[in-house]
C-alpha cells in the first residue's frame, strides 16, 4: 500500500531546500536526496497542498505531504488493472507498441494508483515481464503522453530494450509525429519553434516558455496539413503535424500557445482557459465542445532495439477528434501538398 507522511516544518527546520529537508526526515525510502527529488518531480511531495520544486526553501509552518508508492516486490505490488483495455498494435518478447486512449494516466501518481497504463501493462504482461529502468513504480514505461493526449506509445518488456529505446529518443533516432488542431491560420506551411521551457513561476501545474537559468531547451517543428476558414465565432483553424526534437513536459501545447496558435480544447493553455471574462463565451465556443486537447500521437517509426528491423506505425485520430474534423470539413480551404501526401 502507499505510505503517507505529513510533517509541519518547525522553526528549527526552516531555511533548508526541500529535497535536503525531505532526505533528513529519517524515512527509509527517502534516505537520499535523489530519492526525494524523484518524488518531488513526480508530484508525490506537496507543500501546502501544491506541487513544487526541489529548490524550494521550506519555512516554519509549511505543511509537507509525502506519498511513497508501494515497491513492486512488496505486498503492495502495483495492482493489475484487468478492466483497462490495451489497444496493442505490435508486440513481441521485447516491446509493445500501443495506442493510448485519452483520459488514461501513464503511471501511478497522486490520485491515480490503480487506474493507469502501468496497471494495465501489469495485467497484460505480469510485473516480472516489464522493464524496470524507469523505476519500480513505472514498469514498462519508456516515454509518456499527457493524460488527455491519445495515440501511439512504446512500452518495453526488458531493461535492454528499454535502455536502447530511451537512447533512441535522446538521439532522435525514434521519429514521433503528432497530429494537432490549433487556432488560427498559420502564415507558413512549415516552421520551427526553438524556445526553452520551464515550470510556470506562479502556477506549478503549467509550463511556460522562459529565459530562466533552469529552463530547458525545446525544439518543435511543424508542417501544415490543412487550413479551415474563420467564421463569426473563431479565426479559423490549422491542422498540423508536429515533430519533437526534445521531449519537454507539455512541449507542443506550450510552444503552440507561445505562437498565439494554442491547441484546440487545451484545458491549460487554450483560448477558453486563458480568456478574459468578457471574451469567455466566444472562446469556449471556439473550442468546438472538445473537452481535451486536440493532440494525437499518430506516427511512430524506429529501429527495433534488438533485431534492428525498421518498424513504422500510423494511428488515425480517435473518434472524438475525427468528429471535430468532420464538422470542420465544409470550411476546408484545402490541404497542402504534404497534407495530400499523408491524408490523401
C-alpha atoms as a PDB file:
ATOM      1  CA  UNK A   1       0.000   0.000   0.000  1.00  0.00           C
ATOM      2  CA  UNK A   2       1.016   3.638  -0.375  1.00  0.00           C
ATOM      3  CA  UNK A   3       2.723   5.139   2.668  1.00  0.00           C
ATOM      4  CA  UNK A   4       1.679   8.692   3.529  1.00  0.00           C
ATOM      5  CA  UNK A   5       3.643  11.093   5.727  1.00  0.00           C
ATOM      6  CA  UNK A   6       2.587  14.578   6.803  1.00  0.00           C
ATOM      7  CA  UNK A   7       5.024  16.918   8.510  1.00  0.00           C
ATOM      8  CA  UNK A   8       4.830  20.553   9.621  1.00  0.00           C
ATOM      9  CA  UNK A   9       8.118  22.410   9.273  1.00  0.00           C
ATOM     10  CA  UNK A  10       9.352  23.765  12.597  1.00  0.00           C
ATOM     11  CA  UNK A  11      11.334  26.939  13.222  1.00  0.00           C
ATOM     12  CA  UNK A  12      14.472  24.858  13.703  1.00  0.00           C
ATOM     13  CA  UNK A  13      13.944  23.088  10.366  1.00  0.00           C
ATOM     14  CA  UNK A  14      13.227  26.102   8.164  1.00  0.00           C
ATOM     15  CA  UNK A  15      15.670  27.581   5.683  1.00  0.00           C
ATOM     16  CA  UNK A  16      16.541  24.282   4.002  1.00  0.00           C
ATOM     17  CA  UNK A  17      15.970  23.205   0.395  1.00  0.00           C
ATOM     18  CA  UNK A  18      13.004  20.867   0.089  1.00  0.00           C
ATOM     19  CA  UNK A  19      14.995  17.887  -1.240  1.00  0.00           C
ATOM     20  CA  UNK A  20      17.544  18.206   1.575  1.00  0.00           C
ATOM     21  CA  UNK A  21      14.788  18.625   4.149  1.00  0.00           C
ATOM     22  CA  UNK A  22      12.874  15.541   2.979  1.00  0.00           C
ATOM     23  CA  UNK A  23      16.030  13.415   2.951  1.00  0.00           C
ATOM     24  CA  UNK A  24      16.679  14.460   6.567  1.00  0.00           C
ATOM     25  CA  UNK A  25      13.322  13.241   7.903  1.00  0.00           C
ATOM     26  CA  UNK A  26      14.552   9.717   8.569  1.00  0.00           C
ATOM     27  CA  UNK A  27      12.154   7.999   6.153  1.00  0.00           C
ATOM     28  CA  UNK A  28      13.858   4.817   4.954  1.00  0.00           C
ATOM     29  CA  UNK A  29      12.652   5.123   1.355  1.00  0.00           C
ATOM     30  CA  UNK A  30      13.870   8.749   1.181  1.00  0.00           C
ATOM     31  CA  UNK A  31      17.290   8.479   2.772  1.00  0.00           C
ATOM     32  CA  UNK A  32      18.953  10.043  -0.268  1.00  0.00           C
ATOM     33  CA  UNK A  33      18.352  13.368  -1.963  1.00  0.00           C
ATOM     34  CA  UNK A  34      17.956  11.637  -5.334  1.00  0.00           C
ATOM     35  CA  UNK A  35      15.043   9.588  -3.963  1.00  0.00           C
ATOM     36  CA  UNK A  36      13.462  12.760  -2.600  1.00  0.00           C
ATOM     37  CA  UNK A  37      13.918  14.532  -5.935  1.00  0.00           C
ATOM     38  CA  UNK A  38      12.161  11.711  -7.819  1.00  0.00           C
ATOM     39  CA  UNK A  39       9.083  12.047  -5.618  1.00  0.00           C
ATOM     40  CA  UNK A  40       9.119  15.850  -5.801  1.00  0.00           C
ATOM     41  CA  UNK A  41       9.313  15.818  -9.592  1.00  0.00           C
ATOM     42  CA  UNK A  42       6.550  13.204  -9.875  1.00  0.00           C
ATOM     43  CA  UNK A  43       4.191  15.337  -7.762  1.00  0.00           C
ATOM     44  CA  UNK A  44       4.143  12.996  -4.778  1.00  0.00           C
ATOM     45  CA  UNK A  45       5.581  15.580  -2.399  1.00  0.00           C
ATOM     46  CA  UNK A  46       3.398  18.635  -1.875  1.00  0.00           C
ATOM     47  CA  UNK A  47       3.988  21.770   0.168  1.00  0.00           C
ATOM     48  CA  UNK A  48       0.826  23.425   1.420  1.00  0.00           C
ATOM     49  CA  UNK A  49      -1.166  21.148  -0.921  1.00  0.00           C
ATOM     50  CA  UNK A  50       0.717  22.377  -4.007  1.00  0.00           C
ATOM     51  CA  UNK A  51       3.344  20.667  -6.203  1.00  0.00           C
ATOM     52  CA  UNK A  52       6.685  22.428  -6.073  1.00  0.00           C
ATOM     53  CA  UNK A  53      10.378  22.079  -6.927  1.00  0.00           C
ATOM     54  CA  UNK A  54      13.369  20.574  -5.176  1.00  0.00           C
ATOM     55  CA  UNK A  55      14.930  24.029  -4.743  1.00  0.00           C
ATOM     56  CA  UNK A  56      12.057  25.446  -2.708  1.00  0.00           C
ATOM     57  CA  UNK A  57      13.205  26.729   0.682  1.00  0.00           C
ATOM     58  CA  UNK A  58      10.906  25.467   3.427  1.00  0.00           C
ATOM     59  CA  UNK A  59       9.733  27.875   6.126  1.00  0.00           C
ATOM     60  CA  UNK A  60       8.170  27.348   9.522  1.00  0.00           C
ATOM     61  CA  UNK A  61       4.548  26.293   9.241  1.00  0.00           C
ATOM     62  CA  UNK A  62       4.849  24.718   5.798  1.00  0.00           C
ATOM     63  CA  UNK A  63       2.752  21.546   5.548  1.00  0.00           C
ATOM     64  CA  UNK A  64       4.754  18.882   3.727  1.00  0.00           C
ATOM     65  CA  UNK A  65       2.734  15.940   2.385  1.00  0.00           C
ATOM     66  CA  UNK A  66       4.644  12.871   1.152  1.00  0.00           C
ATOM     67  CA  UNK A  67       3.211   9.854  -0.646  1.00  0.00           C
ATOM     68  CA  UNK A  68       5.507   6.875  -1.180  1.00  0.00           C
ATOM     69  CA  UNK A  69       4.090   4.347  -3.675  1.00  0.00           C
ATOM     70  CA  UNK A  70       4.480   0.641  -2.943  1.00  0.00           C
ATOM     71  CA  UNK A  71       7.512  -1.140  -4.270  1.00  0.00           C
ATOM     72  CA  UNK A  72       6.771  -3.717  -6.904  1.00  0.00           C
ATOM     73  CA  UNK A  73       8.241  -6.553  -4.846  1.00  0.00           C
ATOM     74  CA  UNK A  74       6.245  -5.877  -1.694  1.00  0.00           C
ATOM     75  CA  UNK A  75       2.818  -6.970  -0.555  1.00  0.00           C
ATOM     76  CA  UNK A  76       1.562  -3.729  -2.054  1.00  0.00           C
ATOM     77  CA  UNK A  77       2.555  -4.812  -5.555  1.00  0.00           C
ATOM     78  CA  UNK A  78       1.351  -2.467  -8.274  1.00  0.00           C
ATOM     79  CA  UNK A  79      -2.173  -3.619  -8.914  1.00  0.00           C
ATOM     80  CA  UNK A  80      -3.103  -5.335 -12.149  1.00  0.00           C
ATOM     81  CA  UNK A  81      -5.989  -3.491 -13.806  1.00  0.00           C
ATOM     82  CA  UNK A  82      -7.732  -6.053 -15.974  1.00  0.00           C
ATOM     83  CA  UNK A  83     -10.597  -3.691 -16.826  1.00  0.00           C
ATOM     84  CA  UNK A  84      -8.425  -1.178 -18.718  1.00  0.00           C
ATOM     85  CA  UNK A  85      -8.271  -2.222 -22.380  1.00  0.00           C
ATOM     86  CA  UNK A  86      -4.965  -2.089 -24.233  1.00  0.00           C
ATOM     87  CA  UNK A  87      -5.087  -1.255 -27.939  1.00  0.00           C
ATOM     88  CA  UNK A  88      -1.929  -3.136 -28.941  1.00  0.00           C
ATOM     89  CA  UNK A  89      -0.569  -2.555 -32.456  1.00  0.00           C
ATOM     90  CA  UNK A  90       2.592  -4.659 -32.149  1.00  0.00           C
ATOM     91  CA  UNK A  91       4.038  -6.985 -29.535  1.00  0.00           C
ATOM     92  CA  UNK A  92       6.962  -9.369 -29.210  1.00  0.00           C
ATOM     93  CA  UNK A  93       9.142 -10.594 -26.346  1.00  0.00           C
ATOM     94  CA  UNK A  94      10.970  -7.249 -26.184  1.00  0.00           C
ATOM     95  CA  UNK A  95       8.453  -4.443 -26.585  1.00  0.00           C
ATOM     96  CA  UNK A  96       4.882  -3.308 -27.157  1.00  0.00           C
ATOM     97  CA  UNK A  97       3.524  -0.584 -29.423  1.00  0.00           C
ATOM     98  CA  UNK A  98       0.089   0.552 -28.276  1.00  0.00           C
ATOM     99  CA  UNK A  99      -2.413   3.322 -28.824  1.00  0.00           C
ATOM    100  CA  UNK A 100      -3.241   5.060 -25.547  1.00  0.00           C
ATOM    101  CA  UNK A 101      -6.802   6.232 -25.086  1.00  0.00           C
ATOM    102  CA  UNK A 102      -7.452   9.790 -23.863  1.00  0.00           C
ATOM    103  CA  UNK A 103      -8.020  10.168 -20.133  1.00  0.00           C
ATOM    104  CA  UNK A 104      -5.527   7.456 -19.181  1.00  0.00           C
ATOM    105  CA  UNK A 105      -2.625   8.437 -16.911  1.00  0.00           C
ATOM    106  CA  UNK A 106       0.628   6.701 -17.838  1.00  0.00           C
ATOM    107  CA  UNK A 107       1.919   5.724 -14.391  1.00  0.00           C
ATOM    108  CA  UNK A 108       0.839   5.842 -10.732  1.00  0.00           C
ATOM    109  CA  UNK A 109       0.848   9.347  -9.260  1.00  0.00           C
ATOM    110  CA  UNK A 110      -1.186  11.366  -6.793  1.00  0.00           C
ATOM    111  CA  UNK A 111      -4.837  10.393  -7.173  1.00  0.00           C
ATOM    112  CA  UNK A 112      -4.075   7.585  -9.637  1.00  0.00           C
ATOM    113  CA  UNK A 113      -2.690   4.414  -8.104  1.00  0.00           C
ATOM    114  CA  UNK A 114      -4.703   1.644  -9.726  1.00  0.00           C
ATOM    115  CA  UNK A 115      -6.140   3.095 -12.933  1.00  0.00           C
ATOM    116  CA  UNK A 116      -3.085   3.841 -15.065  1.00  0.00           C
ATOM    117  CA  UNK A 117      -1.423   2.460 -18.168  1.00  0.00           C
ATOM    118  CA  UNK A 118       1.150   0.800 -15.907  1.00  0.00           C
ATOM    119  CA  UNK A 119      -1.611  -1.097 -14.099  1.00  0.00           C
ATOM    120  CA  UNK A 120      -2.967  -2.284 -17.447  1.00  0.00           C
ATOM    121  CA  UNK A 121       0.509  -3.365 -18.599  1.00  0.00           C
ATOM    122  CA  UNK A 122       0.988  -5.323 -15.373  1.00  0.00           C
ATOM    123  CA  UNK A 123      -2.317  -7.111 -16.020  1.00  0.00           C
ATOM    124  CA  UNK A 124      -1.267  -7.928 -19.580  1.00  0.00           C
ATOM    125  CA  UNK A 125       2.370  -8.923 -19.044  1.00  0.00           C
ATOM    126  CA  UNK A 126       2.911  -9.562 -15.349  1.00  0.00           C
ATOM    127  CA  UNK A 127       5.138  -7.361 -13.203  1.00  0.00           C
ATOM    128  CA  UNK A 128       8.182  -9.543 -13.805  1.00  0.00           C
ATOM    129  CA  UNK A 129       7.902  -9.248 -17.574  1.00  0.00           C
ATOM    130  CA  UNK A 130       8.263  -5.487 -17.838  1.00  0.00           C
ATOM    131  CA  UNK A 131      11.363  -3.296 -17.897  1.00  0.00           C
ATOM    132  CA  UNK A 132      12.227  -1.543 -14.643  1.00  0.00           C
ATOM    133  CA  UNK A 133      14.660   1.120 -15.869  1.00  0.00           C
ATOM    134  CA  UNK A 134      12.228   3.970 -15.087  1.00  0.00           C
ATOM    135  CA  UNK A 135      11.788   2.764 -11.513  1.00  0.00           C
ATOM    136  CA  UNK A 136       9.771   0.151  -9.684  1.00  0.00           C
ATOM    137  CA  UNK A 137       6.585   2.211  -9.897  1.00  0.00           C
ATOM    138  CA  UNK A 138       6.852   2.648 -13.695  1.00  0.00           C
ATOM    139  CA  UNK A 139       7.371  -0.846 -15.119  1.00  0.00           C
ATOM    140  CA  UNK A 140       7.415  -0.917 -18.900  1.00  0.00           C
ATOM    141  CA  UNK A 141       7.375   2.838 -19.369  1.00  0.00           C
ATOM    142  CA  UNK A 142       9.785   4.205 -21.991  1.00  0.00           C
ATOM    143  CA  UNK A 143       8.224   7.628 -22.579  1.00  0.00           C
ATOM    144  CA  UNK A 144       4.982   9.319 -21.603  1.00  0.00           C
ATOM    145  CA  UNK A 145       1.975  11.053 -23.088  1.00  0.00           C
ATOM    146  CA  UNK A 146      -0.133  13.558 -21.163  1.00  0.00           C
ATOM    147  CA  UNK A 147      -3.291  12.077 -19.677  1.00  0.00           C
ATOM    148  CA  UNK A 148      -5.568  13.568 -22.338  1.00  0.00           C
ATOM    149  CA  UNK A 149      -3.194  13.095 -25.265  1.00  0.00           C
ATOM    150  CA  UNK A 150      -4.016   9.963 -27.228  1.00  0.00           C
ATOM    151  CA  UNK A 151      -2.128   7.782 -29.654  1.00  0.00           C
ATOM    152  CA  UNK A 152       0.977   5.694 -30.195  1.00  0.00           C
ATOM    153  CA  UNK A 153       3.334   4.828 -27.348  1.00  0.00           C
ATOM    154  CA  UNK A 154       6.176   2.420 -26.700  1.00  0.00           C
ATOM    155  CA  UNK A 155       6.445   0.061 -23.729  1.00  0.00           C
ATOM    156  CA  UNK A 156       9.387  -2.235 -23.019  1.00  0.00           C
ATOM    157  CA  UNK A 157       9.471  -5.734 -21.585  1.00  0.00           C
ATOM    158  CA  UNK A 158      13.216  -5.932 -20.938  1.00  0.00           C
ATOM    159  CA  UNK A 159      15.684  -3.460 -19.471  1.00  0.00           C
ATOM    160  CA  UNK A 160      17.917  -3.810 -22.537  1.00  0.00           C
ATOM    161  CA  UNK A 161      15.095  -2.937 -24.913  1.00  0.00           C
ATOM    162  CA  UNK A 162      14.038  -0.026 -22.691  1.00  0.00           C
ATOM    163  CA  UNK A 163      17.563   1.379 -22.462  1.00  0.00           C
ATOM    164  CA  UNK A 164      18.052   1.230 -26.233  1.00  0.00           C
ATOM    165  CA  UNK A 165      14.651   2.765 -26.931  1.00  0.00           C
ATOM    166  CA  UNK A 166      15.317   5.602 -24.494  1.00  0.00           C
ATOM    167  CA  UNK A 167      18.676   6.169 -26.149  1.00  0.00           C
ATOM    168  CA  UNK A 168      16.877   6.290 -29.498  1.00  0.00           C
ATOM    169  CA  UNK A 169      14.602   9.018 -28.165  1.00  0.00           C
ATOM    170  CA  UNK A 170      17.547  11.008 -26.794  1.00  0.00           C
ATOM    171  CA  UNK A 171      19.478  10.735 -30.074  1.00  0.00           C
ATOM    172  CA  UNK A 172      16.349  11.445 -32.159  1.00  0.00           C
ATOM    173  CA  UNK A 173      16.544   8.113 -33.928  1.00  0.00           C
ATOM    174  CA  UNK A 174      12.969   7.392 -32.902  1.00  0.00           C
ATOM    175  CA  UNK A 175      10.639   9.503 -35.014  1.00  0.00           C
ATOM    176  CA  UNK A 176       7.497  10.654 -33.187  1.00  0.00           C
ATOM    177  CA  UNK A 177       4.905  12.726 -35.047  1.00  0.00           C
ATOM    178  CA  UNK A 178       1.832  14.339 -33.514  1.00  0.00           C
ATOM    179  CA  UNK A 179      -1.389  15.476 -35.138  1.00  0.00           C
ATOM    180  CA  UNK A 180      -2.836  18.644 -33.639  1.00  0.00           C
ATOM    181  CA  UNK A 181      -5.519  21.202 -34.456  1.00  0.00           C
ATOM    182  CA  UNK A 182      -4.671  24.762 -33.478  1.00  0.00           C
ATOM    183  CA  UNK A 183      -6.477  28.084 -33.521  1.00  0.00           C
ATOM    184  CA  UNK A 184      -5.910  30.438 -36.417  1.00  0.00           C
ATOM    185  CA  UNK A 185      -4.306  30.150 -39.831  1.00  0.00           C
ATOM    186  CA  UNK A 186      -0.529  29.798 -39.773  1.00  0.00           C
ATOM    187  CA  UNK A 187       1.210  32.028 -42.285  1.00  0.00           C
ATOM    188  CA  UNK A 188       3.761  29.436 -43.382  1.00  0.00           C
ATOM    189  CA  UNK A 189       3.339  25.795 -44.316  1.00  0.00           C
ATOM    190  CA  UNK A 190       6.377  24.798 -42.249  1.00  0.00           C
ATOM    191  CA  UNK A 191       8.112  26.209 -39.219  1.00  0.00           C
ATOM    192  CA  UNK A 192      10.329  25.607 -36.227  1.00  0.00           C
ATOM    193  CA  UNK A 193       9.799  26.785 -32.661  1.00  0.00           C
ATOM    194  CA  UNK A 194      13.028  26.938 -30.663  1.00  0.00           C
ATOM    195  CA  UNK A 195      12.083  28.223 -27.216  1.00  0.00           C
ATOM    196  CA  UNK A 196      13.264  26.950 -23.791  1.00  0.00           C
ATOM    197  CA  UNK A 197      10.629  25.694 -21.365  1.00  0.00           C
ATOM    198  CA  UNK A 198      10.466  25.843 -17.561  1.00  0.00           C
ATOM    199  CA  UNK A 199       7.773  25.419 -14.947  1.00  0.00           C
ATOM    200  CA  UNK A 200       5.480  28.445 -14.666  1.00  0.00           C
ATOM    201  CA  UNK A 201       6.603  30.778 -11.884  1.00  0.00           C
ATOM    202  CA  UNK A 202       3.180  31.127 -10.239  1.00  0.00           C
ATOM    203  CA  UNK A 203       1.119  28.155 -11.462  1.00  0.00           C
ATOM    204  CA  UNK A 204       3.030  24.951 -10.784  1.00  0.00           C
ATOM    205  CA  UNK A 205       0.621  22.869 -12.889  1.00  0.00           C
ATOM    206  CA  UNK A 206       1.703  24.749 -16.020  1.00  0.00           C
ATOM    207  CA  UNK A 207       4.854  25.058 -18.067  1.00  0.00           C
ATOM    208  CA  UNK A 208       5.936  28.187 -19.933  1.00  0.00           C
ATOM    209  CA  UNK A 209       8.475  29.462 -22.425  1.00  0.00           C
ATOM    210  CA  UNK A 210      11.158  31.017 -20.260  1.00  0.00           C
ATOM    211  CA  UNK A 211      14.645  32.521 -20.294  1.00  0.00           C
ATOM    212  CA  UNK A 212      15.215  31.474 -16.680  1.00  0.00           C
ATOM    213  CA  UNK A 213      18.511  29.700 -15.917  1.00  0.00           C
ATOM    214  CA  UNK A 214      16.666  26.453 -15.184  1.00  0.00           C
ATOM    215  CA  UNK A 215      14.748  26.463 -18.492  1.00  0.00           C
ATOM    216  CA  UNK A 216      15.478  23.504 -20.746  1.00  0.00           C
ATOM    217  CA  UNK A 217      15.988  23.754 -24.484  1.00  0.00           C
ATOM    218  CA  UNK A 218      12.943  22.731 -26.509  1.00  0.00           C
ATOM    219  CA  UNK A 219      12.535  22.464 -30.283  1.00  0.00           C
ATOM    220  CA  UNK A 220       9.321  21.669 -32.158  1.00  0.00           C
ATOM    221  CA  UNK A 221       8.887  21.679 -35.925  1.00  0.00           C
ATOM    222  CA  UNK A 222       5.516  21.701 -37.658  1.00  0.00           C
ATOM    223  CA  UNK A 223       4.006  21.274 -41.101  1.00  0.00           C
ATOM    224  CA  UNK A 224       0.531  22.461 -42.009  1.00  0.00           C
ATOM    225  CA  UNK A 225      -1.696  19.721 -43.425  1.00  0.00           C
ATOM    226  CA  UNK A 226      -4.957  21.632 -43.873  1.00  0.00           C
ATOM    227  CA  UNK A 227      -6.492  25.020 -43.076  1.00  0.00           C
ATOM    228  CA  UNK A 228     -10.088  25.842 -42.176  1.00  0.00           C
ATOM    229  CA  UNK A 229     -11.643  29.250 -42.758  1.00  0.00           C
ATOM    230  CA  UNK A 230     -12.829  31.552 -39.981  1.00  0.00           C
ATOM    231  CA  UNK A 231     -16.447  32.176 -39.064  1.00  0.00           C
ATOM    232  CA  UNK A 232     -18.247  34.574 -36.723  1.00  0.00           C
ATOM    233  CA  UNK A 233     -17.108  32.700 -33.608  1.00  0.00           C
ATOM    234  CA  UNK A 234     -13.446  31.997 -34.370  1.00  0.00           C
ATOM    235  CA  UNK A 235     -10.453  32.935 -36.515  1.00  0.00           C
ATOM    236  CA  UNK A 236     -10.216  29.593 -38.270  1.00  0.00           C
ATOM    237  CA  UNK A 237      -8.084  26.554 -37.584  1.00  0.00           C
ATOM    238  CA  UNK A 238      -4.986  24.774 -38.873  1.00  0.00           C
ATOM    239  CA  UNK A 239      -4.341  21.033 -38.801  1.00  0.00           C
ATOM    240  CA  UNK A 240      -0.648  20.375 -38.168  1.00  0.00           C
ATOM    241  CA  UNK A 241       1.826  17.571 -37.909  1.00  0.00           C
ATOM    242  CA  UNK A 242       4.344  18.366 -35.164  1.00  0.00           C
ATOM    243  CA  UNK A 243       7.731  16.736 -34.731  1.00  0.00           C
ATOM    244  CA  UNK A 244       9.517  16.784 -31.379  1.00  0.00           C
ATOM    245  CA  UNK A 245      13.284  17.213 -31.277  1.00  0.00           C
ATOM    246  CA  UNK A 246      13.109  17.323 -27.482  1.00  0.00           C
ATOM    247  CA  UNK A 247      10.585  15.886 -25.068  1.00  0.00           C
ATOM    248  CA  UNK A 248       9.707  18.550 -22.505  1.00  0.00           C
ATOM    249  CA  UNK A 249       6.530  18.402 -20.451  1.00  0.00           C
ATOM    250  CA  UNK A 250       3.575  19.823 -22.439  1.00  0.00           C
ATOM    251  CA  UNK A 251       6.049  20.869 -25.153  1.00  0.00           C
ATOM    252  CA  UNK A 252       3.740  21.086 -28.177  1.00  0.00           C
ATOM    253  CA  UNK A 253       0.970  22.657 -26.113  1.00  0.00           C
ATOM    254  CA  UNK A 254       3.291  25.298 -24.645  1.00  0.00           C
ATOM    255  CA  UNK A 255       5.010  26.073 -27.938  1.00  0.00           C
ATOM    256  CA  UNK A 256       1.776  26.477 -29.885  1.00  0.00           C
ATOM    257  CA  UNK A 257       0.301  28.738 -27.195  1.00  0.00           C
ATOM    258  CA  UNK A 258       3.535  30.758 -27.309  1.00  0.00           C
ATOM    259  CA  UNK A 259       2.979  31.384 -31.048  1.00  0.00           C
ATOM    260  CA  UNK A 260      -0.614  32.504 -30.309  1.00  0.00           C
ATOM    261  CA  UNK A 261      -1.991  29.400 -32.012  1.00  0.00           C
ATOM    262  CA  UNK A 262      -2.981  27.291 -28.985  1.00  0.00           C
ATOM    263  CA  UNK A 263      -4.136  23.710 -29.329  1.00  0.00           C
ATOM    264  CA  UNK A 264      -7.916  23.462 -29.615  1.00  0.00           C
ATOM    265  CA  UNK A 265      -9.549  22.198 -26.424  1.00  0.00           C
ATOM    266  CA  UNK A 266      -6.427  22.607 -24.289  1.00  0.00           C
ATOM    267  CA  UNK A 267      -7.629  22.983 -20.671  1.00  0.00           C
ATOM    268  CA  UNK A 268      -4.399  24.668 -19.524  1.00  0.00           C
ATOM    269  CA  UNK A 269      -3.140  26.733 -22.442  1.00  0.00           C
ATOM    270  CA  UNK A 270      -6.177  27.036 -24.727  1.00  0.00           C
ATOM    271  CA  UNK A 271      -8.353  30.018 -25.607  1.00  0.00           C
ATOM    272  CA  UNK A 272     -11.102  29.214 -23.102  1.00  0.00           C
ATOM    273  CA  UNK A 273      -8.599  28.621 -20.300  1.00  0.00           C
ATOM    274  CA  UNK A 274      -6.866  31.973 -20.758  1.00  0.00           C
ATOM    275  CA  UNK A 275      -9.703  34.222 -21.998  1.00  0.00           C
ATOM    276  CA  UNK A 276     -10.791  37.245 -20.003  1.00  0.00           C
ATOM    277  CA  UNK A 277     -14.326  37.141 -18.633  1.00  0.00           C
ATOM    278  CA  UNK A 278     -15.808  39.359 -21.354  1.00  0.00           C
ATOM    279  CA  UNK A 279     -14.487  37.018 -24.055  1.00  0.00           C
ATOM    280  CA  UNK A 280     -15.178  33.728 -22.288  1.00  0.00           C
ATOM    281  CA  UNK A 281     -18.307  32.684 -24.219  1.00  0.00           C
ATOM    282  CA  UNK A 282     -16.716  33.199 -27.630  1.00  0.00           C
ATOM    283  CA  UNK A 283     -13.555  31.434 -26.505  1.00  0.00           C
ATOM    284  CA  UNK A 284     -15.473  28.438 -25.215  1.00  0.00           C
ATOM    285  CA  UNK A 285     -17.449  28.244 -28.462  1.00  0.00           C
ATOM    286  CA  UNK A 286     -14.201  28.244 -30.440  1.00  0.00           C
ATOM    287  CA  UNK A 287     -13.083  25.071 -28.627  1.00  0.00           C
ATOM    288  CA  UNK A 288     -15.902  23.268 -30.504  1.00  0.00           C
ATOM    289  CA  UNK A 289     -17.121  21.352 -27.464  1.00  0.00           C
ATOM    290  CA  UNK A 290     -13.881  19.404 -27.136  1.00  0.00           C
ATOM    291  CA  UNK A 291     -13.153  18.532 -23.511  1.00  0.00           C
ATOM    292  CA  UNK A 292      -9.468  17.719 -24.017  1.00  0.00           C
ATOM    293  CA  UNK A 293      -6.607  18.968 -26.147  1.00  0.00           C
ATOM    294  CA  UNK A 294      -6.666  18.017 -29.825  1.00  0.00           C
ATOM    295  CA  UNK A 295      -3.314  16.267 -29.713  1.00  0.00           C
ATOM    296  CA  UNK A 296      -2.725  12.750 -31.006  1.00  0.00           C
ATOM    297  CA  UNK A 297       0.491  10.739 -31.373  1.00  0.00           C
ATOM    298  CA  UNK A 298      -0.223   9.450 -34.848  1.00  0.00           C
ATOM    299  CA  UNK A 299       3.057   8.327 -36.466  1.00  0.00           C
ATOM    300  CA  UNK A 300       5.899   6.375 -34.886  1.00  0.00           C
ATOM    301  CA  UNK A 301       8.982   4.992 -36.648  1.00  0.00           C
ATOM    302  CA  UNK A 302      12.016   3.336 -35.103  1.00  0.00           C
ATOM    303  CA  UNK A 303      14.601   0.595 -35.415  1.00  0.00           C
ATOM    304  CA  UNK A 304      13.768  -2.445 -33.299  1.00  0.00           C
ATOM    305  CA  UNK A 305      16.204  -2.283 -30.358  1.00  0.00           C
ATOM    306  CA  UNK A 306      17.122  -5.977 -30.591  1.00  0.00           C
ATOM    307  CA  UNK A 307      16.516  -7.192 -34.145  1.00  0.00           C
ATOM    308  CA  UNK A 308      17.319  -3.970 -35.990  1.00  0.00           C
ATOM    309  CA  UNK A 309      14.113  -4.227 -38.051  1.00  0.00           C
ATOM    310  CA  UNK A 310      12.652  -0.913 -39.216  1.00  0.00           C
ATOM    311  CA  UNK A 311       9.143  -0.509 -37.792  1.00  0.00           C
ATOM    312  CA  UNK A 312       6.591   2.170 -38.684  1.00  0.00           C
ATOM    313  CA  UNK A 313       3.074   2.709 -37.357  1.00  0.00           C
ATOM    314  CA  UNK A 314       0.244   5.122 -38.103  1.00  0.00           C
ATOM    315  CA  UNK A 315      -2.742   5.694 -35.829  1.00  0.00           C
ATOM    316  CA  UNK A 316      -5.537   7.857 -37.217  1.00  0.00           C
ATOM    317  CA  UNK A 317      -7.295  10.277 -34.847  1.00  0.00           C
ATOM    318  CA  UNK A 318      -9.575   8.855 -32.186  1.00  0.00           C
ATOM    319  CA  UNK A 319     -13.328   9.214 -32.634  1.00  0.00           C
ATOM    320  CA  UNK A 320     -13.733  12.454 -30.662  1.00  0.00           C
ATOM    321  CA  UNK A 321     -11.048  14.189 -32.707  1.00  0.00           C
ATOM    322  CA  UNK A 322     -12.323  12.812 -36.005  1.00  0.00           C
ATOM    323  CA  UNK A 323     -15.766  14.233 -35.201  1.00  0.00           C
ATOM    324  CA  UNK A 324     -14.220  17.704 -34.957  1.00  0.00           C
ATOM    325  CA  UNK A 325     -12.508  17.273 -38.328  1.00  0.00           C
ATOM    326  CA  UNK A 326     -15.753  16.072 -39.871  1.00  0.00           C
ATOM    327  CA  UNK A 327     -17.530  19.146 -38.502  1.00  0.00           C
ATOM    328  CA  UNK A 328     -14.861  21.426 -39.948  1.00  0.00           C
ATOM    329  CA  UNK A 329     -14.753  19.719 -43.359  1.00  0.00           C
ATOM    330  CA  UNK A 330     -17.187  22.187 -45.054  1.00  0.00           C
ATOM    331  CA  UNK A 331     -14.855  25.018 -44.016  1.00  0.00           C
ATOM    332  CA  UNK A 332     -11.721  23.454 -45.501  1.00  0.00           C
ATOM    333  CA  UNK A 333      -9.531  25.825 -47.502  1.00  0.00           C
ATOM    334  CA  UNK A 334      -7.719  22.852 -48.996  1.00  0.00           C
ATOM    335  CA  UNK A 335      -4.871  20.620 -47.986  1.00  0.00           C
ATOM    336  CA  UNK A 336      -1.225  21.426 -48.515  1.00  0.00           C
ATOM    337  CA  UNK A 337       0.905  19.181 -50.707  1.00  0.00           C
ATOM    338  CA  UNK A 338       2.190  17.490 -47.565  1.00  0.00           C
ATOM    339  CA  UNK A 339      -1.374  17.128 -46.311  1.00  0.00           C
ATOM    340  CA  UNK A 340      -2.380  15.392 -49.543  1.00  0.00           C
ATOM    341  CA  UNK A 341       0.657  13.123 -49.232  1.00  0.00           C
ATOM    342  CA  UNK A 342      -0.335  11.992 -45.742  1.00  0.00           C
ATOM    343  CA  UNK A 343      -4.124  12.238 -45.784  1.00  0.00           C
ATOM    344  CA  UNK A 344      -4.994  11.787 -49.434  1.00  0.00           C
END
